[in-house]
Structures are given as C-alpha cells and as structure tokens.
C-alpha cells in the first residue's frame, strides 16, 4: 500500500507546500485524496465468454444493483449456452459419459454457497446461491445437491449434448486423459464485481475437465481456491487446472497479498509464481499446466496473470466492455 512518503516521491508536486486557501490543505495532500477515488461499478470475468457475461452483469450494476445479483446473472449466460463446451449446458462429460457441474458464490458479507458434482441442472450457480441462502450448509454435492435443487424448483434435464456424446465415445477409443493448456476443456467462468455501493461479490462455475474421473472436483466450487471475496480488501477468481489452484488455495492467497499492500496485478503474479515454484519442485512439466487469476480491489483496480500465454479476460466499466490478453510467466 502506498504511504505518504512514497506518494510524495512519485508526485510531480512532491516539493510543493503551498496551502490552498479554501481548505487549508497542501496541494500534494489534495492529489493524495483524489488518488483514492474508487472506480465503480466494475466487473471482470474470465475468457472470451466473459464479454456476454459482463453485458448481463452490467445491466444490474449500472442500475445500482447488488454485485451478488450481477455475478449470478452474468455467469448464467455461458452456463446456459450449449456452444460453450466447458461450462454448464454443453459442458463435456466425465469419463463415464456424465456431465457434472461445479459452482460457488460469495457475497460482501462472506455468505457462501457451493455445489459439486451436480448433474441434470443447467444453472449450478443458482443452486449454489440457494445453498447459501436457504440451508445451514455451505456446500452440497452429488445426489444430495440434486435432491436439494429439485426441492427448490429447479428443472431436471439432460445436459449431455449429441456433440459431446460423440466426442466422449471417440475419446473412449484411447481413454487417454491428458488435458492440454488453453484447450477449452478445462476452462471456467469466474466473475468478480464491485457495485455502486462499494460492495464486492463473486461467482465461479464450470463443468470441469473433460473426461475426468467421475466425482472429481477442481477448484471452482471451493471457496478460497477458485474464488474468494473479502469486502474490506478485494476479490479474486481463477481458471485452468484446478488441482494446481487448490494446492496453494490460490484466490485466498491473491486477496491476502492485496491485504498486505500489493496491487491486484502483483498479487496475481505472485500467486502464479508460487504455482510455478511448486511445479518445478515436484518435477512436473510446466508446459502442461495453465492457471490464470483475475483480481479486483476496493478501489476498482484490476489485475490478471497466468502461466502460459493465451488466457484472456473481460472487463466492463463505465468506459465499456473489452477483452484483454493477460500477461504471462512463460515468455
């Protein structure tokens, strides 16, 4: 965090000690006050499907809506899109041919909800919110998650599309499980937002890695790994190989680094570097792994970083909605 001494060093008026007659403040002090003005609302999300997701979230944010409502509405767009092959309806199945979905959500009060290995429900993020708001628990998985969803009026439907089934049957010929970095069979829609009230929330949802073992959970439904929100500090979400994110409790790490005074960008970089270090210690091949983080602090400052090139993220603020290529480690 920038202190007064550092600020004065980097300000063109560092040597100015002129007192402003109207307020009795030094000019440098006025600039310092201006420097903490928060940019809000703002929403970030992972990958190119973040553009339409952001559009839906922005409709809520621009009308002074709650960040929690915005992130839920936003991620439901790729969840319901059959052309998106790694999220929700249209997601690729596990090795048994079953489409299982994971999601979590977190609001500004540290209320949390999550579902794991959920079948037959198109919008797991809304089930996760229902877990948060209507149960004494924070996570439901498998059949229990499905039973709860049906009790709340969610509709059971087949999520295995014909194209996905064909791919799965082709995969069965070799049954080789080797995800490739940046190939969209393990991507996630993670979204974090800051609303006009100054509150943060986040959501994360995925169908996980294609052809995974049945019952496998990645980082996406795990609060602290795939998503974390601290309304005093900031928020972060992750995408990529979930096992590597879980290993460092990635998004909690990013937010804690912001708490220590790092920018969202530097926090994302340090989290990625920690994964890289552990990968090397374990004698694993770094080129086979992709992880990306995006982060947002309470001032509306953003950051993003990943292991391999190819990860992009979407940002929507008052200037518009845009897709940005993240900086990466393996240059």
Protein backbone atom coordinates (compact mmCIF):
# COMPACT_ATOMS: atom_id res chain seq x y z
CA UNK A 1 0.00 0.00 0.00
CA UNK A 2 1.37 3.43 -0.94
CA UNK A 3 2.25 5.50 2.12
CA UNK A 4 2.57 9.27 2.26
CA UNK A 5 6.35 9.20 1.82
CA UNK A 6 6.19 7.01 -1.28
CA UNK A 7 3.37 9.06 -2.68
CA UNK A 8 5.31 12.31 -2.38
CA UNK A 9 8.29 10.73 -4.10
CA UNK A 10 6.22 9.85 -7.15
CA UNK A 11 4.16 13.02 -7.34
CA UNK A 12 5.22 15.91 -9.52
CA UNK A 13 4.23 18.21 -6.67
CA UNK A 14 6.37 16.44 -4.10
CA UNK A 15 8.19 19.63 -3.19
CA UNK A 16 5.14 21.84 -3.27
CA UNK A 17 4.00 23.05 0.12
CA UNK A 18 1.51 25.66 -0.95
CA UNK A 19 -1.54 25.88 1.27
CA UNK A 20 -4.83 26.07 -0.53
CA UNK A 21 -6.77 28.96 0.96
CA UNK A 22 -10.19 27.37 0.65
CA UNK A 23 -9.45 24.17 2.56
CA UNK A 24 -6.18 24.65 4.41
CA UNK A 25 -4.65 21.62 2.63
CA UNK A 26 -1.32 21.30 0.91
CA UNK A 27 -1.50 20.69 -2.82
CA UNK A 28 0.11 17.25 -2.51
CA UNK A 29 -2.50 16.29 0.06
CA UNK A 30 -5.26 17.22 -2.35
CA UNK A 31 -3.76 14.97 -5.01
CA UNK A 32 -3.47 12.17 -2.48
CA UNK A 33 -7.16 12.45 -1.67
CA UNK A 34 -8.01 12.32 -5.37
CA UNK A 35 -5.84 9.24 -5.88
CA UNK A 36 -8.08 7.04 -3.73
CA UNK A 37 -11.27 7.74 -5.66
CA UNK A 38 -12.89 4.39 -6.36
CA UNK A 39 -13.78 3.28 -9.86
CA UNK A 40 -17.19 1.66 -9.58
CA UNK A 41 -19.12 -0.18 -10.72
CA UNK A 42 -16.83 -2.62 -12.47
CA UNK A 43 -16.99 -6.31 -13.36
CA UNK A 44 -14.30 -8.77 -14.50
CA UNK A 45 -14.67 -12.28 -15.85
CA UNK A 46 -12.50 -14.99 -17.37
CA UNK A 47 -12.10 -15.89 -21.05
CA UNK A 48 -13.89 -14.57 -24.13
CA UNK A 49 -17.31 -15.73 -22.93
CA UNK A 50 -16.79 -13.09 -20.27
CA UNK A 51 -17.88 -10.45 -22.80
CA UNK A 52 -21.56 -11.53 -22.97
CA UNK A 53 -21.44 -12.48 -19.30
CA UNK A 54 -20.23 -8.99 -18.41
CA UNK A 55 -23.00 -7.46 -20.50
CA UNK A 56 -25.63 -9.23 -18.43
CA UNK A 57 -23.92 -8.28 -15.17
CA UNK A 58 -23.58 -4.65 -16.24
CA UNK A 59 -27.32 -4.30 -16.74
CA UNK A 60 -27.66 -4.83 -12.99
CA UNK A 61 -24.61 -2.84 -11.92
CA UNK A 62 -25.41 0.26 -13.97
CA UNK A 63 -28.80 0.47 -12.28
CA UNK A 64 -27.24 0.48 -8.80
CA UNK A 65 -27.93 -3.22 -8.35
CA UNK A 66 -26.11 -5.53 -5.99
CA UNK A 67 -22.85 -7.14 -7.07
CA UNK A 68 -24.17 -10.53 -5.93
CA UNK A 69 -27.12 -10.34 -8.32
CA UNK A 70 -24.82 -9.15 -11.09
CA UNK A 71 -22.34 -12.01 -10.86
CA UNK A 72 -25.08 -14.63 -10.72
CA UNK A 73 -26.82 -13.17 -13.77
CA UNK A 74 -23.54 -12.83 -15.60
CA UNK A 75 -22.24 -16.37 -15.27
CA UNK A 76 -25.64 -17.82 -16.13
CA UNK A 77 -25.05 -16.66 -19.73
CA UNK A 78 -22.25 -19.17 -20.53
CA UNK A 79 -23.89 -21.75 -18.23
CA UNK A 80 -26.93 -21.77 -20.50
CA UNK A 81 -25.05 -21.61 -23.80
CA UNK A 82 -24.79 -25.05 -25.50
CA UNK A 83 -21.89 -23.83 -27.64
CA UNK A 84 -19.69 -23.29 -24.59
CA UNK A 85 -18.05 -26.65 -24.05
CA UNK A 86 -16.58 -26.15 -20.58
CA UNK A 87 -19.40 -24.52 -18.61
CA UNK A 88 -22.90 -25.70 -17.76
CA UNK A 89 -25.21 -26.87 -20.55
CA UNK A 90 -22.89 -28.02 -23.33
CA UNK A 91 -20.08 -28.97 -20.98
CA UNK A 92 -18.12 -32.09 -21.84
CA UNK A 93 -18.78 -35.21 -19.74
CA UNK A 94 -16.56 -37.17 -17.39
CA UNK A 95 -15.02 -40.50 -18.39
CA UNK A 96 -18.31 -42.27 -17.64
CA UNK A 97 -20.23 -40.01 -20.01
CA UNK A 98 -21.90 -37.99 -17.22
CA UNK A 99 -21.98 -34.19 -17.24
CA UNK A 100 -21.22 -32.99 -13.72
CA UNK A 101 -21.13 -29.32 -12.80
CA UNK A 102 -19.45 -27.34 -10.01
CA UNK A 103 -20.07 -23.79 -8.81
CA UNK A 104 -19.69 -21.42 -5.89
CA UNK A 105 -20.79 -17.91 -4.98
CA UNK A 106 -19.73 -15.42 -2.29
CA UNK A 107 -21.16 -12.06 -1.25
CA UNK A 108 -19.92 -8.98 0.58
CA UNK A 109 -20.87 -10.41 3.99
CA UNK A 110 -18.85 -13.61 3.50
CA UNK A 111 -22.00 -15.62 2.91
CA UNK A 112 -21.03 -18.58 0.73
CA UNK A 113 -22.67 -21.40 -1.16
CA UNK A 114 -21.37 -24.15 -3.41
CA UNK A 115 -22.34 -27.29 -5.28
CA UNK A 116 -20.12 -30.06 -6.59
CA UNK A 117 -20.60 -32.94 -9.00
CA UNK A 118 -24.15 -31.75 -9.71
CA UNK A 119 -25.95 -33.47 -12.59
CA UNK A 120 -29.02 -32.56 -14.66
CA UNK A 121 -29.29 -28.90 -13.59
CA UNK A 122 -28.38 -26.26 -16.16
CA UNK A 123 -27.56 -23.43 -13.74
CA UNK A 124 -25.46 -24.70 -10.83
CA UNK A 125 -24.62 -21.13 -9.79
CA UNK A 126 -28.24 -20.53 -8.82
CA UNK A 127 -28.29 -23.77 -6.86
CA UNK A 128 -25.13 -22.62 -5.08
CA UNK A 129 -26.87 -19.37 -4.17
CA UNK A 130 -29.85 -21.31 -2.87
CA UNK A 131 -27.50 -23.40 -0.71
CA UNK A 132 -26.10 -20.13 0.64
CA UNK A 133 -29.46 -18.55 1.37
CA UNK A 134 -31.70 -21.47 2.27
CA UNK A 135 -29.59 -24.07 4.09
CA UNK A 136 -27.35 -24.15 7.17
CA UNK A 137 -24.55 -25.54 4.97
CA UNK A 138 -22.08 -24.07 2.52
CA UNK A 139 -21.66 -26.99 0.09
CA UNK A 140 -23.80 -29.81 -1.25
CA UNK A 141 -22.50 -32.44 -3.67
CA UNK A 142 -23.70 -35.25 -5.91
CA UNK A 143 -27.13 -36.72 -5.32
CA UNK A 144 -27.69 -34.53 -2.28
CA UNK A 145 -27.11 -31.40 -4.34
CA UNK A 146 -29.54 -32.69 -6.99
CA UNK A 147 -32.21 -33.54 -4.42
CA UNK A 148 -31.92 -30.07 -2.95
CA UNK A 149 -32.09 -28.41 -6.37
CA UNK A 150 -35.25 -30.32 -7.28
CA UNK A 151 -36.81 -29.39 -3.93
CA UNK A 152 -36.21 -25.74 -4.79
CA UNK A 153 -37.99 -25.99 -8.13
CA UNK A 154 -35.01 -26.40 -10.45
CA UNK A 155 -35.82 -28.44 -13.55
CA UNK A 156 -34.05 -31.74 -14.23
CA UNK A 157 -32.87 -32.05 -17.84
CA UNK A 158 -30.34 -33.93 -19.94
CA UNK A 159 -27.13 -31.91 -20.25
CA UNK A 160 -25.24 -34.33 -22.49
CA UNK A 161 -25.47 -32.86 -25.98
CA UNK A 162 -25.15 -35.04 -29.05
CA UNK A 163 -21.83 -33.43 -30.00
CA UNK A 164 -20.42 -34.01 -26.52
CA UNK A 165 -21.54 -37.62 -26.56
CA UNK A 166 -19.79 -38.19 -29.89
CA UNK A 167 -16.57 -36.68 -28.54
CA UNK A 168 -16.77 -38.86 -25.45
CA UNK A 169 -17.26 -42.05 -27.49
CA UNK A 170 -14.29 -41.09 -29.65
CA UNK A 171 -12.22 -40.46 -26.51
CA UNK A 172 -13.12 -43.93 -25.20
CA UNK A 173 -11.11 -45.47 -28.03
CA UNK A 174 -7.89 -44.43 -26.30
CA UNK A 175 -9.14 -43.21 -22.89
CA UNK A 176 -6.08 -41.00 -22.69
CA UNK A 177 -6.51 -38.31 -20.04
CA UNK A 178 -4.05 -35.54 -20.76
CA UNK A 179 -5.53 -32.03 -20.72
CA UNK A 180 -3.66 -29.53 -22.87
CA UNK A 181 -3.04 -25.97 -21.72
CA UNK A 182 -5.51 -23.47 -23.21
CA UNK A 183 -7.56 -26.11 -24.98
CA UNK A 184 -11.07 -25.32 -23.82
CA UNK A 185 -11.84 -28.50 -21.94
CA UNK A 186 -10.99 -27.14 -18.50
CA UNK A 187 -11.98 -23.51 -18.61
CA UNK A 188 -14.17 -21.76 -16.10
CA UNK A 189 -16.30 -18.65 -16.00
CA UNK A 190 -15.18 -16.79 -12.91
CA UNK A 191 -16.64 -13.34 -12.29
CA UNK A 192 -15.95 -10.67 -9.65
CA UNK A 193 -17.70 -7.32 -9.34
CA UNK A 194 -17.71 -4.08 -7.38
CA UNK A 195 -21.07 -2.30 -7.27
CA UNK A 196 -22.01 1.36 -6.80
CA UNK A 197 -22.49 0.74 -3.08
CA UNK A 198 -18.82 -0.25 -2.80
CA UNK A 199 -19.55 -3.93 -2.21
CA UNK A 200 -17.80 -6.91 -3.78
CA UNK A 201 -19.15 -10.33 -4.77
CA UNK A 202 -18.00 -13.21 -6.94
CA UNK A 203 -19.18 -16.35 -8.73
CA UNK A 204 -17.42 -19.29 -10.34
CA UNK A 205 -18.92 -22.13 -12.40
CA UNK A 206 -17.65 -24.93 -14.63
CA UNK A 207 -18.18 -28.42 -16.00
CA UNK A 208 -14.59 -29.18 -15.05
CA UNK A 209 -12.01 -31.05 -17.06
CA UNK A 210 -13.35 -33.14 -19.92
CA UNK A 211 -13.23 -36.91 -19.33
CA UNK A 212 -12.22 -36.51 -15.68
CA UNK A 213 -12.80 -39.33 -13.20
CA UNK A 214 -16.39 -39.37 -12.02
CA UNK A 215 -16.60 -37.45 -8.75
CA UNK A 216 -13.58 -35.26 -9.43
CA UNK A 217 -13.80 -31.73 -8.06
CA UNK A 218 -11.50 -28.95 -9.15
CA UNK A 219 -11.02 -25.55 -7.58
CA UNK A 220 -14.20 -23.95 -8.93
CA UNK A 221 -16.63 -24.94 -6.13
CA UNK A 222 -14.08 -24.40 -3.36
CA UNK A 223 -14.20 -21.05 -1.59
CA UNK A 224 -10.64 -19.81 -1.19
CA UNK A 225 -9.36 -21.82 -4.14
CA UNK A 226 -11.41 -20.92 -7.23
CA UNK A 227 -13.00 -17.82 -5.68
CA UNK A 228 -12.55 -15.55 -2.70
CA UNK A 229 -14.08 -12.24 -1.65
CA UNK A 230 -13.11 -10.00 1.27
CA UNK A 231 -15.26 -6.90 1.18
CA UNK A 232 -12.65 -4.85 3.03
CA UNK A 233 -9.86 -5.76 0.61
CA UNK A 234 -10.73 -7.26 -2.76
CA UNK A 235 -11.77 -10.34 -4.71
CA UNK A 236 -10.16 -12.93 -6.97
CA UNK A 237 -11.16 -15.87 -9.12
CA UNK A 238 -9.22 -18.49 -11.06
CA UNK A 239 -9.34 -20.69 -14.15
CA UNK A 240 -7.30 -23.55 -15.55
CA UNK A 241 -6.00 -26.69 -13.86
CA UNK A 242 -7.91 -26.72 -10.61
CA UNK A 243 -5.61 -29.13 -8.80
CA UNK A 244 -2.81 -26.58 -9.02
CA UNK A 245 -5.02 -23.76 -7.72
CA UNK A 246 -6.19 -25.88 -4.78
CA UNK A 247 -2.57 -26.67 -3.94
CA UNK A 248 -1.92 -23.04 -2.96
CA UNK A 249 -5.50 -22.03 -2.02
CA UNK A 250 -5.00 -19.59 -4.87
CA UNK A 251 -7.70 -16.96 -4.66
CA UNK A 252 -7.43 -16.58 -0.90
CA UNK A 253 -3.70 -16.10 -1.42
CA UNK A 254 -4.29 -13.37 -4.01
CA UNK A 255 -6.66 -11.47 -1.72
CA UNK A 256 -4.30 -11.80 1.25
CA UNK A 257 -1.46 -10.42 -0.86
CA UNK A 258 -3.66 -7.43 -1.70
CA UNK A 259 -4.28 -7.04 2.04
CA UNK A 260 -0.51 -6.84 2.52
CA UNK A 261 -0.38 -3.86 0.17
CA UNK A 262 0.25 -5.43 -3.22
CA UNK A 263 -1.68 -4.30 -6.27
CA UNK A 264 -4.13 -6.79 -7.80
CA UNK A 265 -1.66 -7.27 -10.65
CA UNK A 266 1.30 -8.02 -8.38
CA UNK A 267 -0.85 -10.31 -6.24
CA UNK A 268 -1.86 -12.39 -9.28
CA UNK A 269 1.76 -12.57 -10.40
CA UNK A 270 2.98 -13.80 -7.02
CA UNK A 271 0.29 -16.49 -6.87
CA UNK A 272 1.25 -17.78 -10.32
CA UNK A 273 4.93 -17.73 -9.39
CA UNK A 274 4.16 -19.85 -6.34
CA UNK A 275 2.46 -22.47 -8.54
CA UNK A 276 5.44 -22.41 -10.90
CA UNK A 277 7.84 -22.96 -7.99
CA UNK A 278 5.87 -25.90 -6.63
CA UNK A 279 5.53 -27.42 -10.09
CA UNK A 280 9.29 -27.39 -10.50
CA UNK A 281 9.84 -28.81 -7.02
CA UNK A 282 7.53 -31.70 -7.91
CA UNK A 283 9.43 -32.29 -11.18
CA UNK A 284 6.31 -31.68 -13.28
CA UNK A 285 6.36 -30.22 -16.76
CA UNK A 286 5.25 -26.59 -16.61
CA UNK A 287 4.19 -26.52 -20.26
CA UNK A 288 1.36 -28.94 -19.47
CA UNK A 289 -0.18 -26.62 -16.89
CA UNK A 290 -2.26 -23.48 -17.26
CA UNK A 291 -3.64 -21.38 -14.42
CA UNK A 292 -4.91 -17.83 -14.64
CA UNK A 293 -6.02 -15.42 -11.92
CA UNK A 294 -8.01 -12.20 -12.12
CA UNK A 295 -8.35 -9.82 -9.19
CA UNK A 296 -10.08 -6.62 -8.15
CA UNK A 297 -9.54 -4.38 -5.14
CA UNK A 298 -11.86 -1.99 -3.35
CA UNK A 299 -10.64 0.96 -5.43
CA UNK A 300 -11.65 -0.77 -8.64
CA UNK A 301 -8.05 -1.54 -9.63
CA UNK A 302 -7.67 -4.78 -11.55
CA UNK A 303 -5.04 -7.40 -12.26
CA UNK A 304 -4.58 -10.64 -14.19
CA UNK A 305 -1.75 -13.10 -14.73
CA UNK A 306 -1.31 -16.67 -15.97
CA UNK A 307 1.32 -19.33 -16.53
CA UNK A 308 1.06 -19.74 -20.31
CA UNK A 309 0.15 -17.15 -22.90
CA UNK A 310 -3.35 -17.45 -24.32
CA UNK A 311 -5.52 -16.58 -21.33
CA UNK A 312 -7.76 -13.56 -21.72
CA UNK A 313 -10.32 -11.85 -19.53
CA UNK A 314 -13.12 -9.34 -19.94
CA UNK A 315 -13.53 -6.03 -18.09
CA UNK A 316 -16.65 -3.87 -18.10
CA UNK A 317 -16.68 -0.42 -16.51
CA UNK A 318 -18.09 2.98 -17.44
CA UNK A 319 -15.82 3.11 -20.50
CA UNK A 320 -17.23 -0.09 -21.98
CA UNK A 321 -16.72 -3.85 -22.25
CA UNK A 322 -13.41 -5.16 -23.54
CA UNK A 323 -11.34 -8.33 -23.81
CA UNK A 324 -7.74 -8.19 -22.58
CA UNK A 325 -4.89 -10.64 -23.10
CA UNK A 326 -3.34 -11.40 -19.72
CA UNK A 327 0.37 -11.11 -19.07
CA UNK A 328 2.02 -14.49 -18.53
CA UNK A 329 5.00 -16.19 -16.93
CA UNK A 330 6.48 -18.37 -19.71
CA UNK A 331 7.74 -15.68 -22.05
